Amino acid sequence: MSAKTEELRARLEDAQRELAELLEEQDRIDRDLDHARREDAAALLDATRSGGRIASAVKTLASKARNVALRRESLPDLVWTARVRAAELEAEYLQAAIPELEEKSDAARAETAQALEAIREAEARHRGLEDASIAALREVTEKGNRLSAVRLERDALLKAGPRGAYRL
């Protein structure tokens, strides 16, 4: 791959990693918010039971919950931005990769055409060899048949002897 494509791939991986981190942070903040709310409720109960000042406990706990809630509210925008950035980078990466893939496809197509031509030539050579083999087999068979006939004739001549040769 080209340097541009590699750079785009690296940027895309960074954007996807950043998005995953934001989603993890969002989950963690949701857990923190739930925990802060539970702490608020527990502190209010403790303050009520002990007869202490509820107002000071509420302010402390409310500020903690408010900070977590503010972060939680801003996070969806960050997640959305990260998703858009990742999608844009992926589109850019794929756009840059298309010409390289087309080149590979063209090269593979040319190699396939050469291989098909080599196969056609091999098949033609095979047919020629097969025809030559059949012709040679016929010739051997004909000569073998002729040889058998000559041997039979010779055996008949030898059996008949010198005088019997004239009778044949």
N, C-alpha and C. Protein backbone atom coordinates (compact mmCIF):
# COMPACT_ATOMS: atom_id res chain seq x y z
N MET A 1 0.83 -1.17 0.00
CA MET A 1 0.00 0.00 0.00
C MET A 1 0.88 1.24 0.00
N SER A 2 0.30 2.31 -0.49
CA SER A 2 1.07 3.54 -0.58
C SER A 2 1.18 4.19 0.80
N ALA A 3 2.05 5.16 0.88
CA ALA A 3 2.27 5.86 2.16
C ALA A 3 1.00 6.60 2.58
N LYS A 4 0.30 7.18 1.59
CA LYS A 4 -0.93 7.91 1.90
C LYS A 4 -1.98 6.96 2.48
N THR A 5 -2.11 5.80 1.87
CA THR A 5 -3.10 4.83 2.34
C THR A 5 -2.73 4.34 3.73
N GLU A 6 -1.45 4.09 3.96
CA GLU A 6 -1.01 3.66 5.29
C GLU A 6 -1.28 4.73 6.34
N GLU A 7 -1.01 5.99 5.97
CA GLU A 7 -1.27 7.09 6.91
C GLU A 7 -2.76 7.18 7.22
N LEU A 8 -3.59 7.06 6.19
CA LEU A 8 -5.04 7.12 6.40
C LEU A 8 -5.51 5.95 7.26
N ARG A 9 -4.95 4.78 7.03
CA ARG A 9 -5.32 3.61 7.84
C ARG A 9 -4.95 3.84 9.30
N ALA A 10 -3.76 4.41 9.53
CA ALA A 10 -3.31 4.68 10.90
C ALA A 10 -4.22 5.72 11.57
N ARG A 11 -4.58 6.77 10.82
CA ARG A 11 -5.47 7.79 11.38
C ARG A 11 -6.84 7.20 11.68
N LEU A 12 -7.31 6.32 10.80
CA LEU A 12 -8.60 5.67 11.02
C LEU A 12 -8.55 4.82 12.29
N GLU A 13 -7.48 4.06 12.45
CA GLU A 13 -7.34 3.23 13.66
C GLU A 13 -7.30 4.10 14.91
N ASP A 14 -6.61 5.26 14.83
CA ASP A 14 -6.57 6.17 15.98
C ASP A 14 -7.96 6.70 16.30
N ALA A 15 -8.71 7.07 15.27
CA ALA A 15 -10.06 7.59 15.48
C ALA A 15 -10.97 6.52 16.07
N GLN A 16 -10.84 5.31 15.59
CA GLN A 16 -11.66 4.22 16.13
C GLN A 16 -11.28 3.93 17.58
N ARG A 17 -10.00 4.00 17.88
CA ARG A 17 -9.53 3.79 19.26
C ARG A 17 -10.07 4.90 20.17
N GLU A 18 -10.02 6.15 19.68
CA GLU A 18 -10.54 7.28 20.45
C GLU A 18 -12.04 7.12 20.71
N LEU A 19 -12.76 6.67 19.70
CA LEU A 19 -14.20 6.44 19.87
C LEU A 19 -14.45 5.37 20.92
N ALA A 20 -13.69 4.30 20.87
CA ALA A 20 -13.85 3.22 21.86
C ALA A 20 -13.56 3.74 23.26
N GLU A 21 -12.53 4.58 23.39
CA GLU A 21 -12.20 5.15 24.70
C GLU A 21 -13.33 6.04 25.21
N LEU A 22 -13.91 6.84 24.31
CA LEU A 22 -15.03 7.70 24.71
C LEU A 22 -16.23 6.87 25.15
N LEU A 23 -16.50 5.80 24.44
CA LEU A 23 -17.62 4.94 24.82
C LEU A 23 -17.37 4.29 26.18
N GLU A 24 -16.12 3.89 26.42
CA GLU A 24 -15.77 3.33 27.73
C GLU A 24 -15.94 4.39 28.82
N GLU A 25 -15.51 5.62 28.51
CA GLU A 25 -15.65 6.70 29.48
C GLU A 25 -17.12 6.98 29.76
N GLN A 26 -17.93 6.92 28.72
CA GLN A 26 -19.37 7.13 28.90
C GLN A 26 -19.95 6.07 29.84
N ASP A 27 -19.56 4.84 29.65
CA ASP A 27 -20.02 3.77 30.55
C ASP A 27 -19.54 4.02 31.98
N ARG A 28 -18.28 4.42 32.12
CA ARG A 28 -17.73 4.68 33.44
C ARG A 28 -18.46 5.85 34.11
N ILE A 29 -18.77 6.89 33.35
CA ILE A 29 -19.48 8.05 33.90
C ILE A 29 -20.89 7.65 34.33
N ASP A 30 -21.53 6.81 33.54
CA ASP A 30 -22.86 6.34 33.94
C ASP A 30 -22.78 5.61 35.28
N ARG A 31 -21.76 4.78 35.43
CA ARG A 31 -21.58 4.08 36.71
C ARG A 31 -21.28 5.06 37.84
N ASP A 32 -20.41 6.06 37.55
CA ASP A 32 -20.08 7.07 38.56
C ASP A 32 -21.30 7.87 38.97
N LEU A 33 -22.14 8.20 38.00
CA LEU A 33 -23.35 8.97 38.30
C LEU A 33 -24.29 8.16 39.18
N ASP A 34 -24.45 6.90 38.85
CA ASP A 34 -25.29 6.04 39.69
C ASP A 34 -24.72 5.97 41.11
N HIS A 35 -23.41 5.83 41.19
CA HIS A 35 -22.74 5.76 42.49
C HIS A 35 -22.93 7.08 43.26
N ALA A 36 -22.78 8.22 42.57
CA ALA A 36 -22.94 9.53 43.22
C ALA A 36 -24.37 9.70 43.72
N ARG A 37 -25.33 9.27 42.95
CA ARG A 37 -26.74 9.37 43.38
C ARG A 37 -26.98 8.51 44.62
N ARG A 38 -26.40 7.32 44.63
CA ARG A 38 -26.54 6.46 45.81
C ARG A 38 -25.88 7.11 47.03
N GLU A 39 -24.71 7.72 46.81
CA GLU A 39 -24.04 8.42 47.92
C GLU A 39 -24.89 9.58 48.41
N ASP A 40 -25.51 10.32 47.47
CA ASP A 40 -26.40 11.43 47.85
C ASP A 40 -27.52 10.94 48.75
N ALA A 41 -28.14 9.87 48.30
CA ALA A 41 -29.27 9.34 49.07
C ALA A 41 -28.81 8.86 50.44
N ALA A 42 -27.68 8.17 50.48
CA ALA A 42 -27.17 7.67 51.76
C ALA A 42 -26.79 8.83 52.68
N ALA A 43 -26.16 9.88 52.14
CA ALA A 43 -25.77 11.03 52.96
C ALA A 43 -26.99 11.76 53.50
N LEU A 44 -28.01 11.89 52.66
CA LEU A 44 -29.24 12.54 53.14
C LEU A 44 -29.87 11.74 54.27
N LEU A 45 -29.88 10.43 54.11
CA LEU A 45 -30.43 9.59 55.17
C LEU A 45 -29.62 9.72 56.45
N ASP A 46 -28.29 9.72 56.32
CA ASP A 46 -27.43 9.86 57.50
C ASP A 46 -27.64 11.21 58.17
N ALA A 47 -27.69 12.26 57.34
CA ALA A 47 -27.88 13.61 57.89
C ALA A 47 -29.23 13.72 58.58
N THR A 48 -30.24 13.13 58.00
CA THR A 48 -31.58 13.17 58.59
C THR A 48 -31.60 12.40 59.90
N ARG A 49 -30.99 11.26 59.93
CA ARG A 49 -30.97 10.43 61.13
C ARG A 49 -30.18 11.08 62.27
N SER A 50 -29.06 11.69 61.89
CA SER A 50 -28.20 12.25 62.93
C SER A 50 -28.65 13.63 63.37
N GLY A 51 -29.59 14.21 62.65
CA GLY A 51 -30.07 15.53 63.02
C GLY A 51 -29.11 16.62 62.63
N GLY A 52 -28.16 16.31 61.75
CA GLY A 52 -27.17 17.29 61.31
C GLY A 52 -27.73 18.22 60.26
N ARG A 53 -26.84 19.00 59.75
CA ARG A 53 -27.26 19.98 58.76
C ARG A 53 -27.35 19.31 57.41
N ILE A 54 -28.53 19.18 56.91
CA ILE A 54 -28.79 18.55 55.61
C ILE A 54 -28.29 19.44 54.49
N ALA A 55 -28.41 20.74 54.66
CA ALA A 55 -28.06 21.68 53.59
C ALA A 55 -26.59 21.55 53.20
N SER A 56 -25.68 21.45 54.17
CA SER A 56 -24.25 21.36 53.83
C SER A 56 -23.93 20.02 53.17
N ALA A 57 -24.55 18.94 53.64
CA ALA A 57 -24.32 17.62 53.02
C ALA A 57 -24.87 17.60 51.60
N VAL A 58 -26.02 18.23 51.41
CA VAL A 58 -26.63 18.25 50.08
C VAL A 58 -25.77 19.03 49.11
N LYS A 59 -25.21 20.17 49.53
CA LYS A 59 -24.37 20.98 48.64
C LYS A 59 -23.14 20.20 48.19
N THR A 60 -22.49 19.54 49.11
CA THR A 60 -21.28 18.77 48.78
C THR A 60 -21.60 17.64 47.81
N LEU A 61 -22.62 16.90 48.13
CA LEU A 61 -22.97 15.76 47.29
C LEU A 61 -23.55 16.21 45.95
N ALA A 62 -24.33 17.28 45.98
CA ALA A 62 -24.93 17.76 44.74
C ALA A 62 -23.86 18.25 43.77
N SER A 63 -22.81 18.87 44.30
CA SER A 63 -21.77 19.36 43.39
C SER A 63 -21.03 18.19 42.73
N LYS A 64 -20.80 17.13 43.49
CA LYS A 64 -20.15 15.95 42.91
C LYS A 64 -21.04 15.34 41.83
N ALA A 65 -22.31 15.16 42.13
CA ALA A 65 -23.24 14.60 41.15
C ALA A 65 -23.38 15.53 39.95
N ARG A 66 -23.38 16.85 40.21
CA ARG A 66 -23.53 17.82 39.12
C ARG A 66 -22.32 17.75 38.18
N ASN A 67 -21.11 17.62 38.73
CA ASN A 67 -19.91 17.51 37.89
C ASN A 67 -19.97 16.26 37.01
N VAL A 68 -20.36 15.16 37.60
CA VAL A 68 -20.48 13.93 36.82
C VAL A 68 -21.57 14.08 35.76
N ALA A 69 -22.68 14.71 36.13
CA ALA A 69 -23.79 14.89 35.18
C ALA A 69 -23.38 15.80 34.03
N LEU A 70 -22.62 16.87 34.34
CA LEU A 70 -22.17 17.77 33.27
C LEU A 70 -21.26 17.04 32.29
N ARG A 71 -20.36 16.25 32.84
CA ARG A 71 -19.47 15.47 31.96
C ARG A 71 -20.29 14.49 31.13
N ARG A 72 -21.30 13.90 31.76
CA ARG A 72 -22.16 12.94 31.06
C ARG A 72 -22.93 13.62 29.94
N GLU A 73 -23.35 14.87 30.15
CA GLU A 73 -24.09 15.60 29.12
C GLU A 73 -23.21 15.97 27.94
N SER A 74 -21.94 16.29 28.20
CA SER A 74 -21.05 16.69 27.11
C SER A 74 -20.52 15.50 26.32
N LEU A 75 -20.56 14.33 26.92
CA LEU A 75 -19.98 13.15 26.28
C LEU A 75 -20.69 12.72 25.00
N PRO A 76 -22.01 12.74 24.90
CA PRO A 76 -22.64 12.33 23.64
C PRO A 76 -22.17 13.16 22.44
N ASP A 77 -21.93 14.46 22.66
CA ASP A 77 -21.41 15.29 21.56
C ASP A 77 -20.01 14.83 21.15
N LEU A 78 -19.18 14.52 22.14
CA LEU A 78 -17.84 14.03 21.83
C LEU A 78 -17.89 12.69 21.11
N VAL A 79 -18.78 11.81 21.55
CA VAL A 79 -18.94 10.50 20.90
C VAL A 79 -19.42 10.69 19.47
N TRP A 80 -20.40 11.55 19.27
CA TRP A 80 -20.93 11.80 17.93
C TRP A 80 -19.83 12.34 17.02
N THR A 81 -19.06 13.31 17.54
CA THR A 81 -17.96 13.89 16.76
C THR A 81 -16.93 12.82 16.40
N ALA A 82 -16.60 11.97 17.35
CA ALA A 82 -15.63 10.90 17.09
C ALA A 82 -16.16 9.91 16.06
N ARG A 83 -17.45 9.60 16.13
CA ARG A 83 -18.04 8.69 15.14
C ARG A 83 -18.01 9.29 13.74
N VAL A 84 -18.36 10.57 13.65
CA VAL A 84 -18.33 11.25 12.35
C VAL A 84 -16.91 11.27 11.80
N ARG A 85 -15.95 11.61 12.65
CA ARG A 85 -14.55 11.65 12.22
C ARG A 85 -14.08 10.28 11.76
N ALA A 86 -14.44 9.24 12.49
CA ALA A 86 -14.05 7.88 12.11
C ALA A 86 -14.69 7.50 10.78
N ALA A 87 -15.95 7.85 10.58
CA ALA A 87 -16.63 7.53 9.31
C ALA A 87 -15.98 8.28 8.15
N GLU A 88 -15.65 9.56 8.36
CA GLU A 88 -15.00 10.34 7.31
C GLU A 88 -13.63 9.75 6.96
N LEU A 89 -12.87 9.39 7.98
CA LEU A 89 -11.55 8.80 7.74
C LEU A 89 -11.66 7.45 7.04
N GLU A 90 -12.66 6.68 7.41
CA GLU A 90 -12.85 5.38 6.75
C GLU A 90 -13.19 5.58 5.28
N ALA A 91 -14.07 6.55 4.99
CA ALA A 91 -14.41 6.84 3.60
C ALA A 91 -13.18 7.31 2.82
N GLU A 92 -12.39 8.17 3.44
CA GLU A 92 -11.17 8.67 2.79
C GLU A 92 -10.18 7.54 2.55
N TYR A 93 -10.03 6.66 3.53
CA TYR A 93 -9.13 5.51 3.41
C TYR A 93 -9.58 4.60 2.27
N LEU A 94 -10.86 4.29 2.24
CA LEU A 94 -11.37 3.41 1.18
C LEU A 94 -11.22 4.06 -0.19
N GLN A 95 -11.45 5.36 -0.26
CA GLN A 95 -11.29 6.08 -1.53
C GLN A 95 -9.84 6.01 -2.00
N ALA A 96 -8.91 6.14 -1.07
CA ALA A 96 -7.49 6.07 -1.44
C ALA A 96 -7.07 4.65 -1.80
N ALA A 97 -7.71 3.67 -1.22
CA ALA A 97 -7.33 2.27 -1.47
C ALA A 97 -7.87 1.75 -2.79
N ILE A 98 -8.92 2.36 -3.32
CA ILE A 98 -9.55 1.86 -4.55
C ILE A 98 -8.57 1.79 -5.72
N PRO A 99 -7.80 2.84 -6.04
CA PRO A 99 -6.88 2.73 -7.18
C PRO A 99 -5.86 1.61 -7.02
N GLU A 100 -5.35 1.43 -5.81
CA GLU A 100 -4.38 0.36 -5.57
C GLU A 100 -5.03 -1.00 -5.79
N LEU A 101 -6.25 -1.14 -5.31
CA LEU A 101 -6.95 -2.41 -5.50
C LEU A 101 -7.28 -2.64 -6.97
N GLU A 102 -7.60 -1.56 -7.70
CA GLU A 102 -7.85 -1.71 -9.13
C GLU A 102 -6.58 -2.15 -9.86
N GLU A 103 -5.43 -1.60 -9.46
CA GLU A 103 -4.16 -2.02 -10.06
C GLU A 103 -3.91 -3.50 -9.81
N LYS A 104 -4.14 -3.93 -8.57
CA LYS A 104 -3.96 -5.34 -8.24
C LYS A 104 -4.92 -6.20 -9.05
N SER A 105 -6.14 -5.71 -9.21
CA SER A 105 -7.14 -6.46 -9.97
C SER A 105 -6.72 -6.57 -11.43
N ASP A 106 -6.23 -5.47 -12.00
CA ASP A 106 -5.77 -5.50 -13.39
C ASP A 106 -4.60 -6.46 -13.57
N ALA A 107 -3.67 -6.43 -12.63
CA ALA A 107 -2.51 -7.33 -12.70
C ALA A 107 -2.97 -8.79 -12.59
N ALA A 108 -3.89 -9.05 -11.69
CA ALA A 108 -4.41 -10.42 -11.54
C ALA A 108 -5.15 -10.85 -12.79
N ARG A 109 -5.89 -9.93 -13.39
CA ARG A 109 -6.61 -10.24 -14.62
C ARG A 109 -5.63 -10.59 -15.74
N ALA A 110 -4.53 -9.83 -15.85
CA ALA A 110 -3.51 -10.10 -16.88
C ALA A 110 -2.85 -11.46 -16.63
N GLU A 111 -2.54 -11.75 -15.37
CA GLU A 111 -1.94 -13.05 -15.04
C GLU A 111 -2.91 -14.19 -15.36
N THR A 112 -4.17 -13.97 -15.11
CA THR A 112 -5.18 -15.00 -15.41
C THR A 112 -5.26 -15.23 -16.91
N ALA A 113 -5.22 -14.16 -17.70
CA ALA A 113 -5.26 -14.30 -19.15
C ALA A 113 -4.03 -15.08 -19.65
N GLN A 114 -2.86 -14.78 -19.09
CA GLN A 114 -1.65 -15.51 -19.47
C GLN A 114 -1.77 -16.98 -19.09
N ALA A 115 -2.29 -17.24 -17.92
CA ALA A 115 -2.45 -18.63 -17.47
C ALA A 115 -3.43 -19.38 -18.37
N LEU A 116 -4.51 -18.72 -18.75
CA LEU A 116 -5.49 -19.36 -19.64
C LEU A 116 -4.87 -19.66 -21.00
N GLU A 117 -4.06 -18.73 -21.50
CA GLU A 117 -3.39 -18.95 -22.78
C GLU A 117 -2.41 -20.12 -22.67
N ALA A 118 -1.68 -20.19 -21.57
CA ALA A 118 -0.76 -21.31 -21.35
C ALA A 118 -1.53 -22.63 -21.28
N ILE A 119 -2.69 -22.60 -20.66
CA ILE A 119 -3.53 -23.81 -20.58
C ILE A 119 -3.98 -24.23 -21.97
N ARG A 120 -4.42 -23.25 -22.77
CA ARG A 120 -4.85 -23.56 -24.14
C ARG A 120 -3.70 -24.17 -24.95
N GLU A 121 -2.51 -23.59 -24.81
CA GLU A 121 -1.35 -24.13 -25.52
C GLU A 121 -1.02 -25.55 -25.05
N ALA A 122 -1.09 -25.77 -23.76
CA ALA A 122 -0.81 -27.10 -23.21
C ALA A 122 -1.85 -28.11 -23.69
N GLU A 123 -3.11 -27.68 -23.74
CA GLU A 123 -4.15 -28.58 -24.23
C GLU A 123 -3.93 -28.92 -25.70
N ALA A 124 -3.54 -27.92 -26.51
CA ALA A 124 -3.26 -28.17 -27.93
C ALA A 124 -2.07 -29.12 -28.07
N ARG A 125 -1.02 -28.89 -27.27
CA ARG A 125 0.14 -29.78 -27.29
C ARG A 125 -0.28 -31.19 -26.87
N HIS A 126 -1.12 -31.29 -25.88
CA HIS A 126 -1.61 -32.58 -25.40
C HIS A 126 -2.38 -33.30 -26.49
N ARG A 127 -3.27 -32.55 -27.17
CA ARG A 127 -4.03 -33.18 -28.28
C ARG A 127 -3.09 -33.66 -29.38
N GLY A 128 -2.07 -32.84 -29.71
CA GLY A 128 -1.11 -33.24 -30.73
C GLY A 128 -0.34 -34.50 -30.33
N LEU A 129 0.09 -34.55 -29.07
CA LEU A 129 0.80 -35.73 -28.58
C LEU A 129 -0.12 -36.94 -28.54
N GLU A 130 -1.35 -36.72 -28.17
CA GLU A 130 -2.31 -37.82 -28.13
C GLU A 130 -2.55 -38.37 -29.54
N ASP A 131 -2.69 -37.46 -30.52
CA ASP A 131 -2.87 -37.89 -31.92
C ASP A 131 -1.64 -38.64 -32.41
N ALA A 132 -0.44 -38.14 -32.08
CA ALA A 132 0.80 -38.80 -32.49
C ALA A 132 0.90 -40.18 -31.83
N SER A 133 0.50 -40.27 -30.57
CA SER A 133 0.53 -41.55 -29.86
C SER A 133 -0.42 -42.55 -30.51
N ILE A 134 -1.60 -42.11 -30.86
CA ILE A 134 -2.58 -42.99 -31.52
C ILE A 134 -2.06 -43.44 -32.87
N ALA A 135 -1.47 -42.51 -33.64
CA ALA A 135 -0.92 -42.85 -34.95
C ALA A 135 0.23 -43.86 -34.80
N ALA A 136 1.10 -43.65 -33.82
CA ALA A 136 2.22 -44.58 -33.59
C ALA A 136 1.69 -45.94 -33.17
N LEU A 137 0.66 -45.98 -32.33
CA LEU A 137 0.07 -47.24 -31.90
C LEU A 137 -0.53 -47.98 -33.10
N ARG A 138 -1.19 -47.25 -33.99
CA ARG A 138 -1.74 -47.88 -35.20
C ARG A 138 -0.63 -48.46 -36.06
N GLU A 139 0.44 -47.68 -36.22
CA GLU A 139 1.56 -48.14 -37.04
C GLU A 139 2.19 -49.38 -36.43
N VAL A 140 2.38 -49.37 -35.11
CA VAL A 140 2.95 -50.54 -34.43
C VAL A 140 2.02 -51.73 -34.61
N THR A 141 0.73 -51.51 -34.47
CA THR A 141 -0.24 -52.60 -34.64
C THR A 141 -0.19 -53.15 -36.06
N GLU A 142 -0.15 -52.25 -37.05
CA GLU A 142 -0.09 -52.69 -38.45
C GLU A 142 1.19 -53.48 -38.71
N LYS A 143 2.32 -52.96 -38.22
CA LYS A 143 3.59 -53.66 -38.43
C LYS A 143 3.61 -54.98 -37.67
N GLY A 144 3.01 -54.99 -36.48
CA GLY A 144 2.92 -56.24 -35.72
C GLY A 144 2.07 -57.25 -36.46
N ASN A 145 0.95 -56.81 -37.04
CA ASN A 145 0.10 -57.70 -37.82
C ASN A 145 0.85 -58.21 -39.06
N ARG A 146 1.57 -57.31 -39.72
CA ARG A 146 2.34 -57.70 -40.91
C ARG A 146 3.43 -58.70 -40.52
N LEU A 147 4.09 -58.45 -39.36
CA LEU A 147 5.12 -59.35 -38.88
C LEU A 147 4.53 -60.73 -38.60
N SER A 148 3.37 -60.76 -37.99
CA SER A 148 2.72 -62.04 -37.71
C SER A 148 2.41 -62.77 -39.01
N ALA A 149 1.94 -62.01 -40.00
CA ALA A 149 1.62 -62.64 -41.30
C ALA A 149 2.89 -63.18 -41.96
N VAL A 150 3.97 -62.43 -41.91
CA VAL A 150 5.24 -62.87 -42.51
C VAL A 150 5.75 -64.10 -41.78
N ARG A 151 5.65 -64.16 -40.49
CA ARG A 151 6.10 -65.32 -39.72
C ARG A 151 5.27 -66.54 -40.06
N LEU A 152 3.97 -66.32 -40.18
CA LEU A 152 3.11 -67.45 -40.55
C LEU A 152 3.50 -67.99 -41.93
N GLU A 153 3.75 -67.07 -42.83
CA GLU A 153 4.15 -67.47 -44.19
C GLU A 153 5.49 -68.20 -44.15
N ARG A 154 6.44 -67.69 -43.40
CA ARG A 154 7.74 -68.33 -43.26
C ARG A 154 7.61 -69.71 -42.65
N ASP A 155 6.81 -69.81 -41.57
CA ASP A 155 6.61 -71.11 -40.92
C ASP A 155 5.98 -72.11 -41.89
N ALA A 156 5.06 -71.62 -42.69
CA ALA A 156 4.43 -72.51 -43.67
C ALA A 156 5.44 -72.96 -44.70
N LEU A 157 6.31 -72.05 -45.13
CA LEU A 157 7.35 -72.41 -46.11
C LEU A 157 8.33 -73.40 -45.51
N LEU A 158 8.73 -73.17 -44.29
CA LEU A 158 9.66 -74.08 -43.64
C LEU A 158 9.03 -75.45 -43.44
N LYS A 159 7.77 -75.48 -43.13
CA LYS A 159 7.09 -76.74 -42.91
C LYS A 159 6.94 -77.52 -44.22
N ALA A 160 6.67 -76.81 -45.29
CA ALA A 160 6.47 -77.47 -46.58
C ALA A 160 7.80 -77.94 -47.17
N GLY A 161 8.87 -77.30 -46.79
CA GLY A 161 10.16 -77.70 -47.32
C GLY A 161 10.40 -77.07 -48.68
N PRO A 162 11.59 -77.42 -49.30
CA PRO A 162 11.93 -76.78 -50.56
C PRO A 162 10.98 -77.16 -51.69
N ARG A 163 10.48 -78.33 -51.72
CA ARG A 163 9.58 -78.74 -52.80
C ARG A 163 8.19 -78.21 -52.57
N GLY A 164 7.80 -78.08 -51.35
CA GLY A 164 6.45 -77.61 -51.06
C GLY A 164 6.31 -76.12 -51.28
N ALA A 165 7.44 -75.43 -51.41
CA ALA A 165 7.37 -74.00 -51.60
C ALA A 165 6.72 -73.67 -52.92
N TYR A 166 6.85 -74.57 -53.88
CA TYR A 166 6.25 -74.30 -55.18
C TYR A 166 4.76 -74.53 -55.16
N ARG A 167 4.30 -75.32 -54.24
CA ARG A 167 2.87 -75.60 -54.16
C ARG A 167 2.09 -74.44 -53.55
N LEU A 168 2.70 -73.73 -52.77
CA LEU A 168 1.99 -72.63 -52.11
C LEU A 168 1.72 -71.58 -53.10
